[in-house]
């Protein structure tokens, strides 16, 4: 039986349950493409799934290959149903999170989840965009309806989602405020933020009021304190946990919870922005696939500037 190298889990647990080994080689069905992985992004959802935090929400079975940020080259296509892509195309994707992921030499994905990667950047940087880019896009525009002239507060503005959200919000013409530690203030300003608040020394809810939108990537106390910053009719959009409908109604504001969906059309728009030099992928650390455990540990500690990426040989 043909095999490939991959990082899988066979049970929930800490980084020690990540297993780098030979696993069966996948084959594309109709409407699917087989992609040779060149790079896979690491995201908080990876270690949250590994630790079992999402087992009530997502129905996974073991063994499971983690990683749902990928850039690579189309190796093969299904016998039927593949229309846009062909063997040799360089592509990137945030694939279906209920299927095996990209911590592997090869991955099978639906064509509808895959877009041509930006030409301007390499695979390592392209792999940093899909999940975080779609999270930012679907939060700002699909859920939040952000428009030019509005004021938005973006939490964790130096992180994977935050760094792309700052850029997209500024491109839209919004007034952008980000929270970040002092060491990241210049970095966030260079991404386009009009103002940066040090979340370690300042209470953001005392600094900004009458906002049109808050993008919450943290949850917990940060989300609870964010309600105070919104004007009536404003919206709190969270990627971390569902905001309270009752609290929103009480304050005369709106709320939305975003669970990221694969979307090739939105990925194509992000790729166009990258190729036009209007959007930058931020990669802080590149590790070999065999070091996936170390990458997840770094992600879980937080304080990452941009993304952590696994290089796949």
C-alpha atoms as a PDB file:
ATOM      1  CA  UNK A   1       0.000   0.000   0.000  1.00  0.00           C
ATOM      2  CA  UNK A   2       1.333   3.438  -0.957  1.00  0.00           C
ATOM      3  CA  UNK A   3       2.033   5.687   2.033  1.00  0.00           C
ATOM      4  CA  UNK A   4       3.054   9.254   2.906  1.00  0.00           C
ATOM      5  CA  UNK A   5       4.480  11.091   5.909  1.00  0.00           C
ATOM      6  CA  UNK A   6       1.938  12.884   8.093  1.00  0.00           C
ATOM      7  CA  UNK A   7       1.360  14.151  11.628  1.00  0.00           C
ATOM      8  CA  UNK A   8      -1.710  12.464  13.124  1.00  0.00           C
ATOM      9  CA  UNK A   9      -3.404  12.108  16.483  1.00  0.00           C
ATOM     10  CA  UNK A  10      -4.852   8.835  17.706  1.00  0.00           C
ATOM     11  CA  UNK A  11      -6.425  10.261  20.873  1.00  0.00           C
ATOM     12  CA  UNK A  12      -7.013  13.637  22.524  1.00  0.00           C
ATOM     13  CA  UNK A  13      -4.221  15.046  24.649  1.00  0.00           C
ATOM     14  CA  UNK A  14      -1.177  17.298  24.829  1.00  0.00           C
ATOM     15  CA  UNK A  15       1.532  17.802  22.203  1.00  0.00           C
ATOM     16  CA  UNK A  16       2.848  14.322  22.976  1.00  0.00           C
ATOM     17  CA  UNK A  17      -0.122  12.718  21.139  1.00  0.00           C
ATOM     18  CA  UNK A  18       1.082  14.179  17.820  1.00  0.00           C
ATOM     19  CA  UNK A  19       2.580  11.298  15.852  1.00  0.00           C
ATOM     20  CA  UNK A  20       4.861  11.774  12.812  1.00  0.00           C
ATOM     21  CA  UNK A  21       4.611   8.529  10.838  1.00  0.00           C
ATOM     22  CA  UNK A  22       3.718   6.805   7.600  1.00  0.00           C
ATOM     23  CA  UNK A  23      -0.017   6.811   6.826  1.00  0.00           C
ATOM     24  CA  UNK A  24      -2.076   5.684   3.816  1.00  0.00           C
ATOM     25  CA  UNK A  25      -1.784   7.832   0.686  1.00  0.00           C
ATOM     26  CA  UNK A  26      -5.092   9.568  -0.163  1.00  0.00           C
ATOM     27  CA  UNK A  27      -6.871   9.457  -3.522  1.00  0.00           C
ATOM     28  CA  UNK A  28      -9.252  12.081  -4.948  1.00  0.00           C
ATOM     29  CA  UNK A  29     -12.878  11.228  -5.705  1.00  0.00           C
ATOM     30  CA  UNK A  30     -15.078  13.024  -8.227  1.00  0.00           C
ATOM     31  CA  UNK A  31     -15.005  16.787  -7.678  1.00  0.00           C
ATOM     32  CA  UNK A  32     -11.815  16.543  -5.613  1.00  0.00           C
ATOM     33  CA  UNK A  33      -8.144  17.357  -6.102  1.00  0.00           C
ATOM     34  CA  UNK A  34      -5.047  15.761  -4.614  1.00  0.00           C
ATOM     35  CA  UNK A  35      -2.521  18.411  -3.584  1.00  0.00           C
ATOM     36  CA  UNK A  36       1.142  17.878  -2.795  1.00  0.00           C
ATOM     37  CA  UNK A  37       1.571  19.994   0.332  1.00  0.00           C
ATOM     38  CA  UNK A  38       4.471  22.452   0.380  1.00  0.00           C
ATOM     39  CA  UNK A  39       3.456  24.293   3.561  1.00  0.00           C
ATOM     40  CA  UNK A  40       0.771  24.046   6.250  1.00  0.00           C
ATOM     41  CA  UNK A  41      -0.224  26.850   8.605  1.00  0.00           C
ATOM     42  CA  UNK A  42      -0.691  26.266  12.333  1.00  0.00           C
ATOM     43  CA  UNK A  43      -3.778  27.787  13.960  1.00  0.00           C
ATOM     44  CA  UNK A  44      -5.299  27.713  17.464  1.00  0.00           C
ATOM     45  CA  UNK A  45      -8.081  25.449  16.175  1.00  0.00           C
ATOM     46  CA  UNK A  46      -5.427  22.754  15.599  1.00  0.00           C
ATOM     47  CA  UNK A  47      -4.420  22.408  19.252  1.00  0.00           C
ATOM     48  CA  UNK A  48      -7.975  23.016  20.471  1.00  0.00           C
ATOM     49  CA  UNK A  49      -9.079  19.982  18.445  1.00  0.00           C
ATOM     50  CA  UNK A  50      -6.043  18.015  19.657  1.00  0.00           C
ATOM     51  CA  UNK A  51      -6.934  18.763  23.281  1.00  0.00           C
ATOM     52  CA  UNK A  52     -10.585  17.804  22.758  1.00  0.00           C
ATOM     53  CA  UNK A  53     -12.080  21.235  23.367  1.00  0.00           C
ATOM     54  CA  UNK A  54     -14.215  21.046  20.210  1.00  0.00           C
ATOM     55  CA  UNK A  55     -15.297  17.400  20.366  1.00  0.00           C
ATOM     56  CA  UNK A  56     -18.863  18.458  21.177  1.00  0.00           C
ATOM     57  CA  UNK A  57     -18.952  20.695  18.109  1.00  0.00           C
ATOM     58  CA  UNK A  58     -16.943  18.739  15.529  1.00  0.00           C
ATOM     59  CA  UNK A  59     -17.435  15.022  14.856  1.00  0.00           C
ATOM     60  CA  UNK A  60     -13.909  13.752  14.232  1.00  0.00           C
ATOM     61  CA  UNK A  61     -12.732  10.152  14.195  1.00  0.00           C
ATOM     62  CA  UNK A  62      -9.233   8.808  14.872  1.00  0.00           C
ATOM     63  CA  UNK A  63      -6.659   8.723  13.488  1.00  0.00           C
ATOM     64  CA  UNK A  64      -6.917  12.357  12.418  1.00  0.00           C
ATOM     65  CA  UNK A  65      -4.434  14.458  10.463  1.00  0.00           C
ATOM     66  CA  UNK A  66      -4.506  18.032  11.776  1.00  0.00           C
ATOM     67  CA  UNK A  67      -3.959  21.355   9.964  1.00  0.00           C
ATOM     68  CA  UNK A  68      -6.445  23.303   7.856  1.00  0.00           C
ATOM     69  CA  UNK A  69      -4.229  25.906   6.162  1.00  0.00           C
ATOM     70  CA  UNK A  70      -2.434  24.669   3.069  1.00  0.00           C
ATOM     71  CA  UNK A  71      -0.410  25.771   0.062  1.00  0.00           C
ATOM     72  CA  UNK A  72       0.843  23.328  -2.546  1.00  0.00           C
ATOM     73  CA  UNK A  73       0.602  21.973  -6.077  1.00  0.00           C
ATOM     74  CA  UNK A  74      -2.189  19.916  -7.648  1.00  0.00           C
ATOM     75  CA  UNK A  75      -0.869  16.373  -8.074  1.00  0.00           C
ATOM     76  CA  UNK A  76      -4.002  14.682  -9.451  1.00  0.00           C
ATOM     77  CA  UNK A  77      -7.729  15.321  -9.953  1.00  0.00           C
ATOM     78  CA  UNK A  78     -10.803  13.142  -9.633  1.00  0.00           C
ATOM     79  CA  UNK A  79     -12.102  11.372 -12.712  1.00  0.00           C
ATOM     80  CA  UNK A  80     -15.018  13.809 -13.040  1.00  0.00           C
ATOM     81  CA  UNK A  81     -16.340  17.046 -11.627  1.00  0.00           C
ATOM     82  CA  UNK A  82     -13.117  19.065 -11.530  1.00  0.00           C
ATOM     83  CA  UNK A  83     -13.556  22.099 -13.776  1.00  0.00           C
ATOM     84  CA  UNK A  84     -11.236  24.957 -12.747  1.00  0.00           C
ATOM     85  CA  UNK A  85      -8.044  23.250 -11.635  1.00  0.00           C
ATOM     86  CA  UNK A  86      -5.485  21.043 -13.361  1.00  0.00           C
ATOM     87  CA  UNK A  87      -2.369  19.091 -12.477  1.00  0.00           C
ATOM     88  CA  UNK A  88       0.531  21.460 -11.818  1.00  0.00           C
ATOM     89  CA  UNK A  89      -1.551  24.394 -10.557  1.00  0.00           C
ATOM     90  CA  UNK A  90      -0.164  26.129  -7.466  1.00  0.00           C
ATOM     91  CA  UNK A  91      -3.060  26.442  -5.024  1.00  0.00           C
ATOM     92  CA  UNK A  92      -3.990  27.338  -1.462  1.00  0.00           C
ATOM     93  CA  UNK A  93      -6.990  26.498   0.694  1.00  0.00           C
ATOM     94  CA  UNK A  94      -8.728  26.337   4.023  1.00  0.00           C
ATOM     95  CA  UNK A  95     -10.226  22.851   3.548  1.00  0.00           C
ATOM     96  CA  UNK A  96     -13.146  21.131   5.274  1.00  0.00           C
ATOM     97  CA  UNK A  97     -12.252  20.919   8.966  1.00  0.00           C
ATOM     98  CA  UNK A  98     -14.173  17.654   9.361  1.00  0.00           C
ATOM     99  CA  UNK A  99     -11.712  15.838   7.070  1.00  0.00           C
ATOM    100  CA  UNK A 100      -8.010  15.041   7.348  1.00  0.00           C
ATOM    101  CA  UNK A 101      -5.876  18.157   7.256  1.00  0.00           C
ATOM    102  CA  UNK A 102      -2.590  19.409   5.828  1.00  0.00           C
ATOM    103  CA  UNK A 103       0.073  18.226   8.291  1.00  0.00           C
ATOM    104  CA  UNK A 104       0.991  15.742   5.577  1.00  0.00           C
ATOM    105  CA  UNK A 105       2.781  15.314   2.286  1.00  0.00           C
ATOM    106  CA  UNK A 106      -0.552  15.138   0.430  1.00  0.00           C
ATOM    107  CA  UNK A 107      -4.122  16.231   1.076  1.00  0.00           C
ATOM    108  CA  UNK A 108      -7.416  15.632  -0.752  1.00  0.00           C
ATOM    109  CA  UNK A 109      -9.821  18.568  -0.978  1.00  0.00           C
ATOM    110  CA  UNK A 110     -12.995  19.521  -2.795  1.00  0.00           C
ATOM    111  CA  UNK A 111     -12.265  21.760  -5.766  1.00  0.00           C
ATOM    112  CA  UNK A 112     -14.821  24.224  -4.383  1.00  0.00           C
ATOM    113  CA  UNK A 113     -12.503  24.831  -1.391  1.00  0.00           C
ATOM    114  CA  UNK A 114      -9.379  25.557  -3.426  1.00  0.00           C
ATOM    115  CA  UNK A 115      -8.096  28.691  -5.193  1.00  0.00           C
ATOM    116  CA  UNK A 116      -4.967  29.528  -7.160  1.00  0.00           C
ATOM    117  CA  UNK A 117      -2.312  30.751  -4.735  1.00  0.00           C
ATOM    118  CA  UNK A 118      -0.954  34.301  -4.975  1.00  0.00           C
ATOM    119  CA  UNK A 119       1.908  34.458  -7.487  1.00  0.00           C
ATOM    120  CA  UNK A 120       3.747  37.171  -5.558  1.00  0.00           C
ATOM    121  CA  UNK A 121       4.624  35.011  -2.510  1.00  0.00           C
ATOM    122  CA  UNK A 122       6.062  31.564  -1.800  1.00  0.00           C
ATOM    123  CA  UNK A 123       4.180  28.573  -0.382  1.00  0.00           C
ATOM    124  CA  UNK A 124       5.287  29.272   3.183  1.00  0.00           C
ATOM    125  CA  UNK A 125       3.634  32.684   3.119  1.00  0.00           C
ATOM    126  CA  UNK A 126       0.633  31.524   1.091  1.00  0.00           C
ATOM    127  CA  UNK A 127      -0.096  28.882   3.749  1.00  0.00           C
ATOM    128  CA  UNK A 128      -0.408  31.683   6.313  1.00  0.00           C
ATOM    129  CA  UNK A 129      -3.392  33.250   4.575  1.00  0.00           C
ATOM    130  CA  UNK A 130      -6.398  30.932   4.027  1.00  0.00           C
ATOM    131  CA  UNK A 131      -7.819  30.313   7.502  1.00  0.00           C
ATOM    132  CA  UNK A 132      -6.868  33.685   8.986  1.00  0.00           C
ATOM    133  CA  UNK A 133      -7.777  35.525   5.785  1.00  0.00           C
ATOM    134  CA  UNK A 134     -11.203  33.910   5.548  1.00  0.00           C
ATOM    135  CA  UNK A 135     -11.753  34.487   9.272  1.00  0.00           C
ATOM    136  CA  UNK A 136     -11.019  38.185   8.834  1.00  0.00           C
ATOM    137  CA  UNK A 137     -13.034  38.491   5.617  1.00  0.00           C
ATOM    138  CA  UNK A 138     -16.114  36.654   6.903  1.00  0.00           C
ATOM    139  CA  UNK A 139     -16.017  38.559  10.201  1.00  0.00           C
ATOM    140  CA  UNK A 140     -15.497  42.046   8.800  1.00  0.00           C
ATOM    141  CA  UNK A 141     -17.645  41.868   5.693  1.00  0.00           C
ATOM    142  CA  UNK A 142     -20.014  38.877   5.716  1.00  0.00           C
ATOM    143  CA  UNK A 143     -21.038  39.175   9.379  1.00  0.00           C
ATOM    144  CA  UNK A 144     -20.077  42.745  10.226  1.00  0.00           C
ATOM    145  CA  UNK A 145     -20.803  44.599   6.992  1.00  0.00           C
ATOM    146  CA  UNK A 146     -17.844  46.931   7.560  1.00  0.00           C
ATOM    147  CA  UNK A 147     -17.828  50.002   5.318  1.00  0.00           C
ATOM    148  CA  UNK A 148     -15.667  53.056   4.717  1.00  0.00           C
ATOM    149  CA  UNK A 149     -15.675  55.607   7.511  1.00  0.00           C
ATOM    150  CA  UNK A 150     -16.691  53.209  10.271  1.00  0.00           C
ATOM    151  CA  UNK A 151     -14.637  52.765  13.447  1.00  0.00           C
ATOM    152  CA  UNK A 152     -13.500  49.271  14.397  1.00  0.00           C
ATOM    153  CA  UNK A 153     -11.573  47.787  17.307  1.00  0.00           C
ATOM    154  CA  UNK A 154      -9.565  44.651  16.450  1.00  0.00           C
ATOM    155  CA  UNK A 155      -8.320  42.579  19.377  1.00  0.00           C
ATOM    156  CA  UNK A 156      -4.954  40.787  19.148  1.00  0.00           C
ATOM    157  CA  UNK A 157      -4.116  42.921  16.127  1.00  0.00           C
ATOM    158  CA  UNK A 158      -0.610  41.456  15.756  1.00  0.00           C
ATOM    159  CA  UNK A 159      -1.842  37.855  15.563  1.00  0.00           C
ATOM    160  CA  UNK A 160      -2.661  35.692  12.563  1.00  0.00           C
ATOM    161  CA  UNK A 161      -6.251  36.880  12.113  1.00  0.00           C
ATOM    162  CA  UNK A 162      -5.687  40.338  13.550  1.00  0.00           C
ATOM    163  CA  UNK A 163      -2.782  41.235  11.266  1.00  0.00           C
ATOM    164  CA  UNK A 164      -4.857  40.469   8.166  1.00  0.00           C
ATOM    165  CA  UNK A 165      -8.016  42.064   9.601  1.00  0.00           C
ATOM    166  CA  UNK A 166      -6.178  45.338  10.242  1.00  0.00           C
ATOM    167  CA  UNK A 167      -5.032  45.449   6.623  1.00  0.00           C
ATOM    168  CA  UNK A 168      -8.438  44.548   5.175  1.00  0.00           C
ATOM    169  CA  UNK A 169     -10.288  47.015   7.382  1.00  0.00           C
ATOM    170  CA  UNK A 170      -7.913  49.813   6.419  1.00  0.00           C
ATOM    171  CA  UNK A 171      -8.221  48.952   2.714  1.00  0.00           C
ATOM    172  CA  UNK A 172     -11.985  49.353   3.158  1.00  0.00           C
ATOM    173  CA  UNK A 173     -11.514  52.878   4.493  1.00  0.00           C
ATOM    174  CA  UNK A 174     -12.350  52.197   8.131  1.00  0.00           C
ATOM    175  CA  UNK A 175     -10.742  53.903  11.125  1.00  0.00           C
ATOM    176  CA  UNK A 176      -8.816  51.006  12.679  1.00  0.00           C
ATOM    177  CA  UNK A 177      -7.896  50.603  16.349  1.00  0.00           C
ATOM    178  CA  UNK A 178      -5.937  47.547  17.433  1.00  0.00           C
ATOM    179  CA  UNK A 179      -4.953  46.058  20.774  1.00  0.00           C
ATOM    180  CA  UNK A 180      -1.415  44.703  21.110  1.00  0.00           C
ATOM    181  CA  UNK A 181       1.485  44.589  23.553  1.00  0.00           C
ATOM    182  CA  UNK A 182       3.925  47.500  23.442  1.00  0.00           C
ATOM    183  CA  UNK A 183       6.542  45.553  21.469  1.00  0.00           C
ATOM    184  CA  UNK A 184       4.046  45.123  18.608  1.00  0.00           C
ATOM    185  CA  UNK A 185       2.751  48.697  18.388  1.00  0.00           C
ATOM    186  CA  UNK A 186       4.977  49.774  15.502  1.00  0.00           C
ATOM    187  CA  UNK A 187       4.260  46.504  13.712  1.00  0.00           C
ATOM    188  CA  UNK A 188       0.476  47.010  13.960  1.00  0.00           C
ATOM    189  CA  UNK A 189       0.741  50.666  12.886  1.00  0.00           C
ATOM    190  CA  UNK A 190       2.772  49.615   9.865  1.00  0.00           C
ATOM    191  CA  UNK A 191      -0.059  47.279   8.897  1.00  0.00           C
ATOM    192  CA  UNK A 192      -2.340  50.325   8.742  1.00  0.00           C
ATOM    193  CA  UNK A 193      -3.833  50.779  12.202  1.00  0.00           C
ATOM    194  CA  UNK A 194      -4.717  54.372  13.047  1.00  0.00           C
ATOM    195  CA  UNK A 195      -4.321  53.750  16.772  1.00  0.00           C
ATOM    196  CA  UNK A 196      -2.902  50.969  18.944  1.00  0.00           C
ATOM    197  CA  UNK A 197      -3.850  50.308  22.572  1.00  0.00           C
ATOM    198  CA  UNK A 198      -1.509  48.421  24.912  1.00  0.00           C
ATOM    199  CA  UNK A 199      -3.748  45.736  26.380  1.00  0.00           C
ATOM    200  CA  UNK A 200      -1.216  45.051  29.145  1.00  0.00           C
ATOM    201  CA  UNK A 201      -1.302  48.582  30.616  1.00  0.00           C
ATOM    202  CA  UNK A 202      -4.507  50.203  29.298  1.00  0.00           C
ATOM    203  CA  UNK A 203      -8.188  49.383  29.684  1.00  0.00           C
ATOM    204  CA  UNK A 204      -9.366  49.549  26.089  1.00  0.00           C
ATOM    205  CA  UNK A 205     -12.974  50.183  27.158  1.00  0.00           C
ATOM    206  CA  UNK A 206     -11.801  53.393  28.855  1.00  0.00           C
ATOM    207  CA  UNK A 207      -9.902  54.483  25.761  1.00  0.00           C
ATOM    208  CA  UNK A 208     -12.451  54.032  22.952  1.00  0.00           C
ATOM    209  CA  UNK A 209     -16.223  54.458  22.765  1.00  0.00           C
ATOM    210  CA  UNK A 210     -18.941  54.756  20.122  1.00  0.00           C
ATOM    211  CA  UNK A 211     -17.455  52.096  17.853  1.00  0.00           C
ATOM    212  CA  UNK A 212     -19.274  50.616  14.888  1.00  0.00           C
ATOM    213  CA  UNK A 213     -17.644  47.202  15.291  1.00  0.00           C
ATOM    214  CA  UNK A 214     -15.473  45.106  17.561  1.00  0.00           C
ATOM    215  CA  UNK A 215     -13.671  42.041  16.197  1.00  0.00           C
ATOM    216  CA  UNK A 216     -13.146  39.673  19.127  1.00  0.00           C
ATOM    217  CA  UNK A 217     -10.544  36.948  18.616  1.00  0.00           C
ATOM    218  CA  UNK A 218     -10.041  36.235  22.335  1.00  0.00           C
ATOM    219  CA  UNK A 219     -13.370  35.752  24.126  1.00  0.00           C
ATOM    220  CA  UNK A 220     -13.810  35.633  27.897  1.00  0.00           C
ATOM    221  CA  UNK A 221     -13.155  38.842  29.792  1.00  0.00           C
ATOM    222  CA  UNK A 222     -12.023  40.632  26.639  1.00  0.00           C
ATOM    223  CA  UNK A 223     -15.390  39.986  25.015  1.00  0.00           C
ATOM    224  CA  UNK A 224     -17.288  40.998  28.167  1.00  0.00           C
ATOM    225  CA  UNK A 225     -15.465  44.324  28.345  1.00  0.00           C
ATOM    226  CA  UNK A 226     -15.939  44.984  24.615  1.00  0.00           C
ATOM    227  CA  UNK A 227     -19.685  45.603  24.858  1.00  0.00           C
ATOM    228  CA  UNK A 228     -19.020  48.987  26.512  1.00  0.00           C
ATOM    229  CA  UNK A 229     -17.133  50.287  23.472  1.00  0.00           C
ATOM    230  CA  UNK A 230     -19.986  49.956  20.970  1.00  0.00           C
ATOM    231  CA  UNK A 231     -22.427  52.648  19.947  1.00  0.00           C
ATOM    232  CA  UNK A 232     -26.118  51.794  19.602  1.00  0.00           C
ATOM    233  CA  UNK A 233     -26.596  49.714  16.480  1.00  0.00           C
ATOM    234  CA  UNK A 234     -22.938  48.656  16.481  1.00  0.00           C
ATOM    235  CA  UNK A 235     -21.895  45.012  16.268  1.00  0.00           C
ATOM    236  CA  UNK A 236     -19.642  42.676  18.243  1.00  0.00           C
ATOM    237  CA  UNK A 237     -18.300  39.937  15.971  1.00  0.00           C
ATOM    238  CA  UNK A 238     -16.520  37.053  17.670  1.00  0.00           C
ATOM    239  CA  UNK A 239     -14.392  34.210  16.387  1.00  0.00           C
ATOM    240  CA  UNK A 240     -13.741  32.956  19.917  1.00  0.00           C
ATOM    241  CA  UNK A 241     -17.129  32.314  21.529  1.00  0.00           C
ATOM    242  CA  UNK A 242     -20.787  33.112  20.919  1.00  0.00           C
ATOM    243  CA  UNK A 243     -21.686  36.573  22.225  1.00  0.00           C
ATOM    244  CA  UNK A 244     -24.785  36.885  24.404  1.00  0.00           C
ATOM    245  CA  UNK A 245     -27.925  37.743  22.447  1.00  0.00           C
ATOM    246  CA  UNK A 246     -29.510  38.981  25.678  1.00  0.00           C
ATOM    247  CA  UNK A 247     -26.629  41.368  26.392  1.00  0.00           C
ATOM    248  CA  UNK A 248     -26.727  42.686  22.840  1.00  0.00           C
ATOM    249  CA  UNK A 249     -30.470  43.341  23.036  1.00  0.00           C
ATOM    250  CA  UNK A 250     -30.093  45.045  26.416  1.00  0.00           C
ATOM    251  CA  UNK A 251     -27.503  47.455  25.034  1.00  0.00           C
ATOM    252  CA  UNK A 252     -29.193  48.040  21.676  1.00  0.00           C
ATOM    253  CA  UNK A 253     -26.321  46.524  19.699  1.00  0.00           C
ATOM    254  CA  UNK A 254     -25.886  43.476  17.485  1.00  0.00           C
ATOM    255  CA  UNK A 255     -23.772  40.366  17.787  1.00  0.00           C
ATOM    256  CA  UNK A 256     -22.458  37.615  15.541  1.00  0.00           C
ATOM    257  CA  UNK A 257     -20.408  34.459  15.956  1.00  0.00           C
ATOM    258  CA  UNK A 258     -18.327  33.400  12.957  1.00  0.00           C
ATOM    259  CA  UNK A 259     -17.330  29.791  12.311  1.00  0.00           C
ATOM    260  CA  UNK A 260     -15.085  29.956   9.270  1.00  0.00           C
ATOM    261  CA  UNK A 261     -16.355  28.287   6.103  1.00  0.00           C
ATOM    262  CA  UNK A 262     -14.230  27.240   3.092  1.00  0.00           C
ATOM    263  CA  UNK A 263     -14.715  29.678   0.217  1.00  0.00           C
ATOM    264  CA  UNK A 264     -12.645  29.582  -2.977  1.00  0.00           C
ATOM    265  CA  UNK A 265     -14.114  32.846  -4.295  1.00  0.00           C
ATOM    266  CA  UNK A 266     -13.076  34.783  -1.188  1.00  0.00           C
ATOM    267  CA  UNK A 267      -9.627  33.152  -1.312  1.00  0.00           C
ATOM    268  CA  UNK A 268      -9.286  34.319  -4.915  1.00  0.00           C
ATOM    269  CA  UNK A 269     -10.070  37.897  -3.835  1.00  0.00           C
ATOM    270  CA  UNK A 270      -7.452  37.662  -1.081  1.00  0.00           C
ATOM    271  CA  UNK A 271      -4.931  36.353  -3.625  1.00  0.00           C
ATOM    272  CA  UNK A 272      -5.633  39.313  -5.907  1.00  0.00           C
ATOM    273  CA  UNK A 273      -4.972  41.729  -3.031  1.00  0.00           C
ATOM    274  CA  UNK A 274      -1.675  39.983  -2.254  1.00  0.00           C
ATOM    275  CA  UNK A 275      -0.570  40.058  -5.894  1.00  0.00           C
ATOM    276  CA  UNK A 276      -1.499  43.754  -6.095  1.00  0.00           C
ATOM    277  CA  UNK A 277       0.789  44.443  -3.116  1.00  0.00           C
ATOM    278  CA  UNK A 278      -2.130  45.536  -0.929  1.00  0.00           C
ATOM    279  CA  UNK A 279      -2.133  42.636   1.542  1.00  0.00           C
ATOM    280  CA  UNK A 280       0.856  41.066   3.324  1.00  0.00           C
ATOM    281  CA  UNK A 281       1.089  37.581   4.800  1.00  0.00           C
ATOM    282  CA  UNK A 282       2.985  37.716   8.089  1.00  0.00           C
ATOM    283  CA  UNK A 283       5.011  34.617   9.011  1.00  0.00           C
ATOM    284  CA  UNK A 284       6.999  34.637  12.259  1.00  0.00           C
ATOM    285  CA  UNK A 285       8.263  31.041  12.397  1.00  0.00           C
ATOM    286  CA  UNK A 286       8.823  28.273   9.825  1.00  0.00           C
ATOM    287  CA  UNK A 287       9.388  24.736  11.115  1.00  0.00           C
ATOM    288  CA  UNK A 288       9.717  21.327   9.449  1.00  0.00           C
ATOM    289  CA  UNK A 289       6.632  19.107   9.457  1.00  0.00           C
ATOM    290  CA  UNK A 290       8.268  16.798  11.990  1.00  0.00           C
ATOM    291  CA  UNK A 291       8.329  19.722  14.480  1.00  0.00           C
ATOM    292  CA  UNK A 292       4.533  20.142  14.493  1.00  0.00           C
ATOM    293  CA  UNK A 293       4.411  19.616  18.272  1.00  0.00           C
ATOM    294  CA  UNK A 294       6.799  22.520  18.840  1.00  0.00           C
ATOM    295  CA  UNK A 295       4.761  24.689  16.484  1.00  0.00           C
ATOM    296  CA  UNK A 296       1.543  23.958  18.360  1.00  0.00           C
ATOM    297  CA  UNK A 297       3.231  24.700  21.685  1.00  0.00           C
ATOM    298  CA  UNK A 298       4.316  28.105  20.350  1.00  0.00           C
ATOM    299  CA  UNK A 299       0.781  28.776  19.083  1.00  0.00           C
ATOM    300  CA  UNK A 300      -0.766  27.782  22.396  1.00  0.00           C
ATOM    301  CA  UNK A 301       1.476  30.161  24.333  1.00  0.00           C
ATOM    302  CA  UNK A 302       0.126  33.065  22.271  1.00  0.00           C
ATOM    303  CA  UNK A 303       1.965  36.328  21.579  1.00  0.00           C
ATOM    304  CA  UNK A 304       2.815  35.192  18.043  1.00  0.00           C
ATOM    305  CA  UNK A 305       3.308  37.923  15.457  1.00  0.00           C
ATOM    306  CA  UNK A 306       1.470  36.679  12.390  1.00  0.00           C
ATOM    307  CA  UNK A 307       1.604  32.929  11.738  1.00  0.00           C
ATOM    308  CA  UNK A 308       3.595  29.770  12.424  1.00  0.00           C
ATOM    309  CA  UNK A 309       4.040  27.581   9.337  1.00  0.00           C
ATOM    310  CA  UNK A 310       5.179  23.997   8.791  1.00  0.00           C
ATOM    311  CA  UNK A 311       7.417  23.392   5.789  1.00  0.00           C
ATOM    312  CA  UNK A 312       6.620  20.077   4.122  1.00  0.00           C
ATOM    313  CA  UNK A 313       9.485  18.392   2.215  1.00  0.00           C
END
